[in-house]
Amino acid sequence: MSTTMVTTKARPRSLVIRNQVKSVVREVDTATPLVMASEATDPPLAASGDVQLINYYKPALEGGVYTININQQIQVPGGPNRPESTNSINTAPDNPGSQRFNVIAPRFNIDPNDVHSTYPPQGHADQPMILPHIVFNDPHAPWERSVSVANHFSDDDVMPWLAVIPFDINGPAVTQELRLTAEQLSGPGAIYTPSDGSALTPSTTLAVTMPLSQYLQLDVTSSSSGTRVRIPPFRQDLDWADMQNDSTPVQVIFLAGSLFNGLFRSRSDSTKLDLSQFRYCAVCLNSHKRPR
């Protein structure tokens, strides 16, 4: 997976990124050096004619809920009639002002406008000589959210929250990855029953569409069926209450326990997750064309 500096108005940070792109264009069109005030996390611009692959490009704030606490202190000059203990006055010692805000970022769906291109194109097959990949319009996209894992990565080794993972859907149906059995799609052992009572119908990518609120309940509703489903611990989220009532449709794939363990469990300790092999599944492409 890679990203590019192309921008779109659909993203919250599009104005900032668009201004950076214009600054690069101005440098190419003129012989004057580029002077641009940017975030400390911005990667240096590539030299003319060069291409850089940067292992991560985090935004200033990742997606999620934040709280700002405000506490005002007034310093009063000391004097003969003012004891030293009254020099510092806290205007709100027990009730500091606070404001919560939400940094909006994709989570359960990716807007098609955020995708610049994909390889191979949708519905097309190709020889396995080039890795499947996605190019995003926003270079921050793979790092807009944090991945909560037991692994501790250094500042120079940041884990992306997005990755492209190919699955094998060839051969007999019983050996195809992601394919659900007839019992798991319908009947008493179904992993999920739509509100209209119909049987599940996976898409061509073997994904099942369901409302977000019902997806978040799969670990509970599936306990009485023949197949137990486990989902990430979303109940720890600050916006869990809102998520439970969210009817946004999401596409879900189901991994067998053996497949999940083979991908994400530590080779040395099967009780722990190990995502270190995925830390380079996203890079930021920084290129600078030579002026003609």
C-alpha atoms as a PDB file:
ATOM      1  CA  MET A   1       0.000   0.000   0.000  1.00  0.00           C
ATOM      2  CA  SER A   2       1.325   3.457  -0.787  1.00  0.00           C
ATOM      3  CA  THR A   3       0.107   7.019  -0.623  1.00  0.00           C
ATOM      4  CA  THR A   4       0.534  10.052  -2.819  1.00  0.00           C
ATOM      5  CA  MET A   5       0.356  13.804  -2.349  1.00  0.00           C
ATOM      6  CA  VAL A   6      -2.692  14.161  -4.647  1.00  0.00           C
ATOM      7  CA  THR A   7      -5.494  15.790  -2.656  1.00  0.00           C
ATOM      8  CA  THR A   8      -9.289  16.027  -2.725  1.00  0.00           C
ATOM      9  CA  LYS A   9     -11.830  18.367  -1.166  1.00  0.00           C
ATOM     10  CA  ALA A  10     -13.587  15.421   0.462  1.00  0.00           C
ATOM     11  CA  ARG A  11     -11.019  15.176   3.289  1.00  0.00           C
ATOM     12  CA  PRO A  12     -10.836  17.476   6.367  1.00  0.00           C
ATOM     13  CA  ARG A  13      -7.133  18.103   5.809  1.00  0.00           C
ATOM     14  CA  SER A  14      -7.500  18.751   2.083  1.00  0.00           C
ATOM     15  CA  LEU A  15      -6.920  22.508   2.373  1.00  0.00           C
ATOM     16  CA  VAL A  16      -3.625  22.074   4.221  1.00  0.00           C
ATOM     17  CA  ILE A  17      -2.363  19.427   1.830  1.00  0.00           C
ATOM     18  CA  ARG A  18      -3.516  21.395  -1.216  1.00  0.00           C
ATOM     19  CA  ASN A  19      -1.534  24.421  -0.041  1.00  0.00           C
ATOM     20  CA  GLN A  20       1.559  22.254   0.373  1.00  0.00           C
ATOM     21  CA  VAL A  21       1.149  20.949  -3.161  1.00  0.00           C
ATOM     22  CA  LYS A  22       0.812  24.524  -4.477  1.00  0.00           C
ATOM     23  CA  SER A  23       4.019  25.441  -2.662  1.00  0.00           C
ATOM     24  CA  VAL A  24       5.842  22.610  -4.415  1.00  0.00           C
ATOM     25  CA  VAL A  25       4.428  23.707  -7.772  1.00  0.00           C
ATOM     26  CA  ARG A  26       5.616  27.277  -7.157  1.00  0.00           C
ATOM     27  CA  GLU A  27       9.131  26.011  -6.469  1.00  0.00           C
ATOM     28  CA  VAL A  28       9.137  24.017  -9.700  1.00  0.00           C
ATOM     29  CA  ASP A  29       7.839  26.955 -11.736  1.00  0.00           C
ATOM     30  CA  THR A  30      10.354  29.423 -10.314  1.00  0.00           C
ATOM     31  CA  ALA A  31      14.024  29.353  -9.451  1.00  0.00           C
ATOM     32  CA  THR A  32      13.394  30.684  -5.941  1.00  0.00           C
ATOM     33  CA  PRO A  33      13.992  28.355  -2.975  1.00  0.00           C
ATOM     34  CA  LEU A  34      10.968  26.849  -1.287  1.00  0.00           C
ATOM     35  CA  VAL A  35      10.076  28.398   2.062  1.00  0.00           C
ATOM     36  CA  MET A  36       7.160  26.694   3.798  1.00  0.00           C
ATOM     37  CA  ALA A  37       6.053  26.617   7.422  1.00  0.00           C
ATOM     38  CA  SER A  38       5.013  23.034   8.045  1.00  0.00           C
ATOM     39  CA  GLU A  39       4.457  20.651  10.897  1.00  0.00           C
ATOM     40  CA  ALA A  40       7.487  19.124  12.545  1.00  0.00           C
ATOM     41  CA  THR A  41       6.224  15.723  11.396  1.00  0.00           C
ATOM     42  CA  ASP A  42       6.171  16.664   7.711  1.00  0.00           C
ATOM     43  CA  PRO A  43       8.794  14.734   5.717  1.00  0.00           C
ATOM     44  CA  PRO A  44      11.416  16.759   3.854  1.00  0.00           C
ATOM     45  CA  LEU A  45      10.656  17.363   0.204  1.00  0.00           C
ATOM     46  CA  ALA A  46      12.441  15.128  -2.255  1.00  0.00           C
ATOM     47  CA  ALA A  47      15.130  16.638  -4.434  1.00  0.00           C
ATOM     48  CA  SER A  48      14.285  17.350  -8.043  1.00  0.00           C
ATOM     49  CA  GLY A  49      13.900  14.091  -9.945  1.00  0.00           C
ATOM     50  CA  ASP A  50      14.019  11.913  -6.794  1.00  0.00           C
ATOM     51  CA  VAL A  51      11.445   9.613  -5.195  1.00  0.00           C
ATOM     52  CA  GLN A  52      11.405   8.889  -1.454  1.00  0.00           C
ATOM     53  CA  LEU A  53       9.628   6.041   0.342  1.00  0.00           C
ATOM     54  CA  ILE A  54       8.844   7.158   3.895  1.00  0.00           C
ATOM     55  CA  ASN A  55       7.844   4.461   6.400  1.00  0.00           C
ATOM     56  CA  TYR A  56       5.135   6.612   8.021  1.00  0.00           C
ATOM     57  CA  TYR A  57       3.512  10.060   7.855  1.00  0.00           C
ATOM     58  CA  LYS A  58       1.365  10.647  10.926  1.00  0.00           C
ATOM     59  CA  PRO A  59      -1.084  13.564  11.171  1.00  0.00           C
ATOM     60  CA  ALA A  60      -0.767  16.078  14.001  1.00  0.00           C
ATOM     61  CA  LEU A  61      -3.812  14.477  15.677  1.00  0.00           C
ATOM     62  CA  GLU A  62      -5.026  10.942  15.083  1.00  0.00           C
ATOM     63  CA  GLY A  63      -8.726  10.200  14.746  1.00  0.00           C
ATOM     64  CA  GLY A  64     -10.622   9.909  18.016  1.00  0.00           C
ATOM     65  CA  VAL A  65     -12.171  11.817  20.928  1.00  0.00           C
ATOM     66  CA  TYR A  66     -10.053  14.394  22.783  1.00  0.00           C
ATOM     67  CA  THR A  67     -10.655  16.604  25.813  1.00  0.00           C
ATOM     68  CA  ILE A  68      -9.149  20.068  26.405  1.00  0.00           C
ATOM     69  CA  ASN A  69      -8.936  21.163  30.054  1.00  0.00           C
ATOM     70  CA  ILE A  70      -8.597  24.879  30.845  1.00  0.00           C
ATOM     71  CA  ASN A  71      -7.421  26.165  34.214  1.00  0.00           C
ATOM     72  CA  GLN A  72      -6.621  29.846  34.707  1.00  0.00           C
ATOM     73  CA  GLN A  73      -4.124  31.034  37.320  1.00  0.00           C
ATOM     74  CA  ILE A  74      -3.599  34.675  38.266  1.00  0.00           C
ATOM     75  CA  GLN A  75      -0.326  35.784  39.813  1.00  0.00           C
ATOM     76  CA  VAL A  76      -0.736  38.762  42.176  1.00  0.00           C
ATOM     77  CA  PRO A  77       2.376  40.846  42.992  1.00  0.00           C
ATOM     78  CA  GLY A  78       3.405  40.502  46.625  1.00  0.00           C
ATOM     79  CA  GLY A  79       3.412  43.419  49.060  1.00  0.00           C
ATOM     80  CA  PRO A  80       3.364  44.303  52.759  1.00  0.00           C
ATOM     81  CA  ASN A  81      -0.425  43.917  52.935  1.00  0.00           C
ATOM     82  CA  ARG A  82      -0.573  40.743  50.826  1.00  0.00           C
ATOM     83  CA  PRO A  83       0.585  37.523  52.492  1.00  0.00           C
ATOM     84  CA  GLU A  84       2.738  35.320  50.314  1.00  0.00           C
ATOM     85  CA  SER A  85       0.083  32.557  50.396  1.00  0.00           C
ATOM     86  CA  THR A  86      -2.350  34.725  48.396  1.00  0.00           C
ATOM     87  CA  ASN A  87       0.045  35.552  45.598  1.00  0.00           C
ATOM     88  CA  SER A  88      -1.326  32.740  43.408  1.00  0.00           C
ATOM     89  CA  ILE A  89      -5.071  32.637  42.799  1.00  0.00           C
ATOM     90  CA  ASN A  90      -6.708  29.683  41.049  1.00  0.00           C
ATOM     91  CA  THR A  91      -9.947  30.907  39.487  1.00  0.00           C
ATOM     92  CA  ALA A  92     -11.446  27.408  39.191  1.00  0.00           C
ATOM     93  CA  PRO A  93      -9.634  24.981  41.491  1.00  0.00           C
ATOM     94  CA  ASP A  94     -12.372  22.326  41.590  1.00  0.00           C
ATOM     95  CA  ASN A  95     -14.081  22.817  38.222  1.00  0.00           C
ATOM     96  CA  PRO A  96     -11.620  23.534  35.389  1.00  0.00           C
ATOM     97  CA  GLY A  97     -13.189  24.340  32.043  1.00  0.00           C
ATOM     98  CA  SER A  98     -13.145  21.474  29.579  1.00  0.00           C
ATOM     99  CA  GLN A  99     -14.237  20.854  26.013  1.00  0.00           C
ATOM    100  CA  ARG A 100     -14.461  17.542  24.162  1.00  0.00           C
ATOM    101  CA  PHE A 101     -13.956  17.361  20.417  1.00  0.00           C
ATOM    102  CA  ASN A 102     -13.750  14.609  17.863  1.00  0.00           C
ATOM    103  CA  VAL A 103     -11.075  14.353  15.175  1.00  0.00           C
ATOM    104  CA  ILE A 104     -12.989  12.773  12.288  1.00  0.00           C
ATOM    105  CA  ALA A 105     -11.205   9.998  10.418  1.00  0.00           C
ATOM    106  CA  PRO A 106     -12.349   6.894   8.531  1.00  0.00           C
ATOM    107  CA  ARG A 107     -12.862   3.774  10.615  1.00  0.00           C
ATOM    108  CA  PHE A 108     -15.432   1.252   9.448  1.00  0.00           C
ATOM    109  CA  ASN A 109     -15.739   2.498   5.863  1.00  0.00           C
ATOM    110  CA  ILE A 110     -13.430   4.154   3.370  1.00  0.00           C
ATOM    111  CA  ASP A 111     -14.959   6.766   1.096  1.00  0.00           C
ATOM    112  CA  PRO A 112     -14.311   5.880  -2.580  1.00  0.00           C
ATOM    113  CA  ASN A 113     -13.271   9.528  -3.071  1.00  0.00           C
ATOM    114  CA  ASP A 114     -10.335   8.855  -0.726  1.00  0.00           C
ATOM    115  CA  VAL A 115      -8.899   6.248  -3.109  1.00  0.00           C
ATOM    116  CA  HIS A 116      -6.721   7.464  -5.953  1.00  0.00           C
ATOM    117  CA  SER A 117      -6.199   4.046  -7.582  1.00  0.00           C
ATOM    118  CA  THR A 118      -5.993   0.323  -6.875  1.00  0.00           C
ATOM    119  CA  TYR A 119      -4.010  -2.547  -8.334  1.00  0.00           C
ATOM    120  CA  PRO A 120      -5.246  -4.782  -9.749  1.00  0.00           C
ATOM    121  CA  PRO A 121      -8.379  -2.847 -10.753  1.00  0.00           C
ATOM    122  CA  GLN A 122     -11.706  -4.004  -9.358  1.00  0.00           C
ATOM    123  CA  GLY A 123     -12.850  -7.223 -11.027  1.00  0.00           C
ATOM    124  CA  HIS A 124      -9.551  -7.856 -12.839  1.00  0.00           C
ATOM    125  CA  ALA A 125      -7.001 -10.578 -12.199  1.00  0.00           C
ATOM    126  CA  ASP A 126      -3.281 -10.457 -12.861  1.00  0.00           C
ATOM    127  CA  GLN A 127      -0.174 -12.565 -12.531  1.00  0.00           C
ATOM    128  CA  PRO A 128       1.270 -12.575  -8.975  1.00  0.00           C
ATOM    129  CA  MET A 129       4.372 -10.600  -9.897  1.00  0.00           C
ATOM    130  CA  ILE A 130       3.200  -7.264  -8.456  1.00  0.00           C
ATOM    131  CA  LEU A 131       1.810  -6.939  -4.943  1.00  0.00           C
ATOM    132  CA  PRO A 132      -1.812  -5.726  -4.740  1.00  0.00           C
ATOM    133  CA  HIS A 133      -1.870  -2.165  -3.439  1.00  0.00           C
ATOM    134  CA  ILE A 134      -3.979   0.962  -2.918  1.00  0.00           C
ATOM    135  CA  VAL A 135      -2.937   4.571  -3.504  1.00  0.00           C
ATOM    136  CA  PHE A 136      -4.776   7.080  -1.288  1.00  0.00           C
ATOM    137  CA  ASN A 137      -5.402  10.754  -1.981  1.00  0.00           C
ATOM    138  CA  ASP A 138      -4.534  11.682   1.602  1.00  0.00           C
ATOM    139  CA  PRO A 139      -0.954  10.697   2.551  1.00  0.00           C
ATOM    140  CA  HIS A 140      -1.993  10.500   6.231  1.00  0.00           C
ATOM    141  CA  ALA A 141      -4.671   7.836   5.596  1.00  0.00           C
ATOM    142  CA  PRO A 142      -2.804   4.693   6.797  1.00  0.00           C
ATOM    143  CA  TRP A 143      -1.813   6.428  10.050  1.00  0.00           C
ATOM    144  CA  GLU A 144      -4.976   8.389  10.876  1.00  0.00           C
ATOM    145  CA  ARG A 145      -5.760   5.970  13.684  1.00  0.00           C
ATOM    146  CA  SER A 146      -3.708   4.042  16.230  1.00  0.00           C
ATOM    147  CA  VAL A 147      -3.449   0.278  16.442  1.00  0.00           C
ATOM    148  CA  SER A 148      -3.673  -0.868  20.057  1.00  0.00           C
ATOM    149  CA  VAL A 149      -1.383  -3.871  20.326  1.00  0.00           C
ATOM    150  CA  ALA A 150       0.915  -5.365  22.932  1.00  0.00           C
ATOM    151  CA  ASN A 151       3.926  -4.602  20.724  1.00  0.00           C
ATOM    152  CA  HIS A 152       5.841  -1.428  21.523  1.00  0.00           C
ATOM    153  CA  PHE A 153       7.240   0.304  18.481  1.00  0.00           C
ATOM    154  CA  SER A 154       9.741   3.121  18.432  1.00  0.00           C
ATOM    155  CA  ASP A 155       9.008   6.582  17.042  1.00  0.00           C
ATOM    156  CA  ASP A 156      10.732   5.522  13.823  1.00  0.00           C
ATOM    157  CA  ASP A 157       8.648   2.363  13.490  1.00  0.00           C
ATOM    158  CA  VAL A 158       4.957   3.373  13.510  1.00  0.00           C
ATOM    159  CA  MET A 159       2.249   0.781  12.841  1.00  0.00           C
ATOM    160  CA  PRO A 160      -0.363   1.648  10.145  1.00  0.00           C
ATOM    161  CA  TRP A 161      -3.989   0.834  10.869  1.00  0.00           C
ATOM    162  CA  LEU A 162      -4.641  -0.192   7.238  1.00  0.00           C
ATOM    163  CA  ALA A 163      -3.136  -3.049   5.245  1.00  0.00           C
ATOM    164  CA  VAL A 164      -3.906  -4.954   2.055  1.00  0.00           C
ATOM    165  CA  ILE A 165      -3.994  -8.708   2.727  1.00  0.00           C
ATOM    166  CA  PRO A 166      -4.718 -11.074  -0.200  1.00  0.00           C
ATOM    167  CA  PHE A 167      -6.758 -14.214   0.537  1.00  0.00           C
ATOM    168  CA  ASP A 168      -6.975 -17.448  -1.437  1.00  0.00           C
ATOM    169  CA  ILE A 169     -10.466 -18.068  -2.866  1.00  0.00           C
ATOM    170  CA  ASN A 170      -9.418 -20.642  -5.469  1.00  0.00           C
ATOM    171  CA  GLY A 171      -9.876 -24.393  -5.380  1.00  0.00           C
ATOM    172  CA  PRO A 172     -12.693 -26.359  -3.718  1.00  0.00           C
ATOM    173  CA  ALA A 173     -15.125 -24.343  -1.622  1.00  0.00           C
ATOM    174  CA  VAL A 174     -14.154 -26.170   1.582  1.00  0.00           C
ATOM    175  CA  THR A 175     -10.545 -24.956   1.275  1.00  0.00           C
ATOM    176  CA  GLN A 176     -11.256 -21.380   0.219  1.00  0.00           C
ATOM    177  CA  GLU A 177     -10.319 -18.740   2.782  1.00  0.00           C
ATOM    178  CA  LEU A 178     -13.144 -16.433   3.975  1.00  0.00           C
ATOM    179  CA  ARG A 179     -15.892 -18.669   2.519  1.00  0.00           C
ATOM    180  CA  LEU A 180     -18.685 -19.424   5.000  1.00  0.00           C
ATOM    181  CA  THR A 181     -20.484 -22.758   5.090  1.00  0.00           C
ATOM    182  CA  ALA A 182     -24.195 -23.126   4.321  1.00  0.00           C
ATOM    183  CA  GLU A 183     -24.891 -23.604   8.035  1.00  0.00           C
ATOM    184  CA  GLN A 184     -23.077 -20.381   8.896  1.00  0.00           C
ATOM    185  CA  LEU A 185     -25.066 -18.424   6.299  1.00  0.00           C
ATOM    186  CA  SER A 186     -28.569 -19.595   7.188  1.00  0.00           C
ATOM    187  CA  GLY A 187     -30.547 -21.645   9.676  1.00  0.00           C
ATOM    188  CA  PRO A 188     -30.096 -22.045  13.440  1.00  0.00           C
ATOM    189  CA  GLY A 189     -26.305 -21.915  13.162  1.00  0.00           C
ATOM    190  CA  ALA A 190     -26.145 -18.673  11.150  1.00  0.00           C
ATOM    191  CA  ILE A 191     -23.578 -16.219  12.436  1.00  0.00           C
ATOM    192  CA  TYR A 192     -25.933 -13.328  11.704  1.00  0.00           C
ATOM    193  CA  THR A 193     -29.583 -13.047  10.703  1.00  0.00           C
ATOM    194  CA  PRO A 194     -30.712  -9.915   8.797  1.00  0.00           C
ATOM    195  CA  SER A 195     -33.696  -8.016  10.171  1.00  0.00           C
ATOM    196  CA  ASP A 196     -35.906  -9.314   7.335  1.00  0.00           C
ATOM    197  CA  GLY A 197     -35.056 -12.927   8.211  1.00  0.00           C
ATOM    198  CA  SER A 198     -33.386 -13.660   4.864  1.00  0.00           C
ATOM    199  CA  ALA A 199     -30.248 -15.748   4.473  1.00  0.00           C
ATOM    200  CA  LEU A 200     -26.856 -14.082   4.275  1.00  0.00           C
ATOM    201  CA  THR A 201     -25.558 -13.448   0.765  1.00  0.00           C
ATOM    202  CA  PRO A 202     -21.801 -12.726   0.620  1.00  0.00           C
ATOM    203  CA  SER A 203     -20.488 -10.379  -2.054  1.00  0.00           C
ATOM    204  CA  THR A 204     -18.033 -11.358  -4.777  1.00  0.00           C
ATOM    205  CA  THR A 205     -15.263 -10.564  -2.277  1.00  0.00           C
ATOM    206  CA  LEU A 206     -16.923 -12.894   0.275  1.00  0.00           C
ATOM    207  CA  ALA A 207     -17.838  -9.946   2.525  1.00  0.00           C
ATOM    208  CA  VAL A 208     -21.157  -9.763   4.378  1.00  0.00           C
ATOM    209  CA  THR A 209     -22.952  -6.390   4.640  1.00  0.00           C
ATOM    210  CA  MET A 210     -24.668  -5.517   7.926  1.00  0.00           C
ATOM    211  CA  PRO A 211     -25.427  -2.435  10.053  1.00  0.00           C
ATOM    212  CA  LEU A 212     -22.580  -1.337  12.306  1.00  0.00           C
ATOM    213  CA  SER A 213     -24.768  -1.654  15.406  1.00  0.00           C
ATOM    214  CA  GLN A 214     -25.416  -5.345  14.664  1.00  0.00           C
ATOM    215  CA  TYR A 215     -21.774  -6.027  13.835  1.00  0.00           C
ATOM    216  CA  LEU A 216     -20.800  -4.730  17.287  1.00  0.00           C
ATOM    217  CA  GLN A 217     -23.129  -7.290  18.861  1.00  0.00           C
ATOM    218  CA  LEU A 218     -21.836 -10.341  16.970  1.00  0.00           C
ATOM    219  CA  ASP A 219     -19.773 -11.596  19.900  1.00  0.00           C
ATOM    220  CA  VAL A 220     -23.006 -11.749  21.935  1.00  0.00           C
ATOM    221  CA  THR A 221     -25.612 -12.780  19.363  1.00  0.00           C
ATOM    222  CA  SER A 222     -23.426 -15.507  17.865  1.00  0.00           C
ATOM    223  CA  SER A 223     -22.871 -17.248  21.206  1.00  0.00           C
ATOM    224  CA  SER A 224     -26.107 -19.211  20.818  1.00  0.00           C
ATOM    225  CA  SER A 225     -25.308 -20.351  17.258  1.00  0.00           C
ATOM    226  CA  GLY A 226     -22.956 -23.057  16.113  1.00  0.00           C
ATOM    227  CA  THR A 227     -20.166 -20.582  15.286  1.00  0.00           C
ATOM    228  CA  ARG A 228     -18.767 -18.221  17.902  1.00  0.00           C
ATOM    229  CA  VAL A 229     -17.656 -14.856  16.502  1.00  0.00           C
ATOM    230  CA  ARG A 230     -15.129 -12.599  18.207  1.00  0.00           C
ATOM    231  CA  ILE A 231     -14.708  -8.899  17.387  1.00  0.00           C
ATOM    232  CA  PRO A 232     -12.215  -6.260  18.572  1.00  0.00           C
ATOM    233  CA  PRO A 233     -12.908  -4.718  22.038  1.00  0.00           C
ATOM    234  CA  PHE A 234     -14.840  -1.682  20.810  1.00  0.00           C
ATOM    235  CA  ARG A 235     -16.617  -1.419  24.183  1.00  0.00           C
ATOM    236  CA  GLN A 236     -13.524   0.382  25.476  1.00  0.00           C
ATOM    237  CA  ASP A 237     -14.066   3.267  23.027  1.00  0.00           C
ATOM    238  CA  LEU A 238     -15.150   6.660  24.353  1.00  0.00           C
ATOM    239  CA  ASP A 239     -17.854   6.833  21.662  1.00  0.00           C
ATOM    240  CA  TRP A 240     -19.178   3.313  22.327  1.00  0.00           C
ATOM    241  CA  ALA A 241     -22.666   4.624  23.202  1.00  0.00           C
ATOM    242  CA  ASP A 242     -23.007   6.329  19.809  1.00  0.00           C
ATOM    243  CA  MET A 243     -21.567   3.355  17.935  1.00  0.00           C
ATOM    244  CA  GLN A 244     -24.244   1.009  19.327  1.00  0.00           C
ATOM    245  CA  ASN A 245     -26.981   3.017  17.573  1.00  0.00           C
ATOM    246  CA  ASP A 246     -25.103   3.552  14.297  1.00  0.00           C
ATOM    247  CA  SER A 247     -26.952   1.930  11.388  1.00  0.00           C
ATOM    248  CA  THR A 248     -24.199   2.654   8.835  1.00  0.00           C
ATOM    249  CA  PRO A 249     -23.727  -0.442   6.621  1.00  0.00           C
ATOM    250  CA  VAL A 250     -20.321  -2.078   6.922  1.00  0.00           C
ATOM    251  CA  GLN A 251     -18.734  -4.945   5.021  1.00  0.00           C
ATOM    252  CA  VAL A 252     -17.392  -7.727   7.221  1.00  0.00           C
ATOM    253  CA  ILE A 253     -15.184 -10.702   6.400  1.00  0.00           C
ATOM    254  CA  PHE A 254     -14.959 -13.708   8.700  1.00  0.00           C
ATOM    255  CA  LEU A 255     -11.615 -15.394   9.337  1.00  0.00           C
ATOM    256  CA  ALA A 256     -11.421 -18.913  10.704  1.00  0.00           C
ATOM    257  CA  GLY A 257      -9.540 -19.136  13.996  1.00  0.00           C
ATOM    258  CA  SER A 258      -6.649 -21.022  12.413  1.00  0.00           C
ATOM    259  CA  LEU A 259      -6.322 -18.406   9.647  1.00  0.00           C
ATOM    260  CA  PHE A 260      -6.401 -15.507  12.135  1.00  0.00           C
ATOM    261  CA  ASN A 261      -3.797 -17.146  14.374  1.00  0.00           C
ATOM    262  CA  GLY A 262      -1.528 -17.825  11.420  1.00  0.00           C
ATOM    263  CA  LEU A 263      -1.643 -14.156  10.406  1.00  0.00           C
ATOM    264  CA  PHE A 264      -1.592 -12.304  13.707  1.00  0.00           C
ATOM    265  CA  ARG A 265      -0.313 -14.568  16.501  1.00  0.00           C
ATOM    266  CA  SER A 266       3.281 -14.492  17.671  1.00  0.00           C
ATOM    267  CA  ARG A 267       5.384 -17.381  16.374  1.00  0.00           C
ATOM    268  CA  SER A 268       7.174 -17.693  19.733  1.00  0.00           C
ATOM    269  CA  ASP A 269       4.158 -17.167  22.031  1.00  0.00           C
ATOM    270  CA  SER A 270       0.748 -18.116  20.639  1.00  0.00           C
ATOM    271  CA  THR A 271      -1.025 -16.268  23.475  1.00  0.00           C
ATOM    272  CA  LYS A 272       0.145 -12.888  22.149  1.00  0.00           C
ATOM    273  CA  LEU A 273      -0.560 -10.876  19.026  1.00  0.00           C
ATOM    274  CA  ASP A 274       2.370  -9.905  16.838  1.00  0.00           C
ATOM    275  CA  LEU A 275       1.765  -7.299  14.141  1.00  0.00           C
ATOM    276  CA  SER A 276       5.413  -6.414  13.553  1.00  0.00           C
ATOM    277  CA  GLN A 277       5.374  -8.080  10.130  1.00  0.00           C
ATOM    278  CA  PHE A 278       2.742  -5.541   8.981  1.00  0.00           C
ATOM    279  CA  ARG A 279       4.542  -2.364  10.013  1.00  0.00           C
ATOM    280  CA  TYR A 280       5.789  -1.733   6.465  1.00  0.00           C
ATOM    281  CA  CYS A 281       2.453  -2.489   4.763  1.00  0.00           C
ATOM    282  CA  ALA A 282       2.063   1.262   4.162  1.00  0.00           C
ATOM    283  CA  VAL A 283       4.542   3.861   2.965  1.00  0.00           C
ATOM    284  CA  CYS A 284       4.337   7.493   1.939  1.00  0.00           C
ATOM    285  CA  LEU A 285       5.581   8.268  -1.556  1.00  0.00           C
ATOM    286  CA  ASN A 286       7.348  11.618  -1.789  1.00  0.00           C
ATOM    287  CA  SER A 287       8.296  12.490  -5.368  1.00  0.00           C
ATOM    288  CA  HIS A 288       9.505  15.608  -7.122  1.00  0.00           C
ATOM    289  CA  LYS A 289       9.396  15.730 -10.912  1.00  0.00           C
ATOM    290  CA  ARG A 290      12.084  17.515 -12.806  1.00  0.00           C
ATOM    291  CA  PRO A 291      10.844  20.724 -14.437  1.00  0.00           C
ATOM    292  CA  ARG A 292      10.727  20.583 -18.208  1.00  0.00           C
END
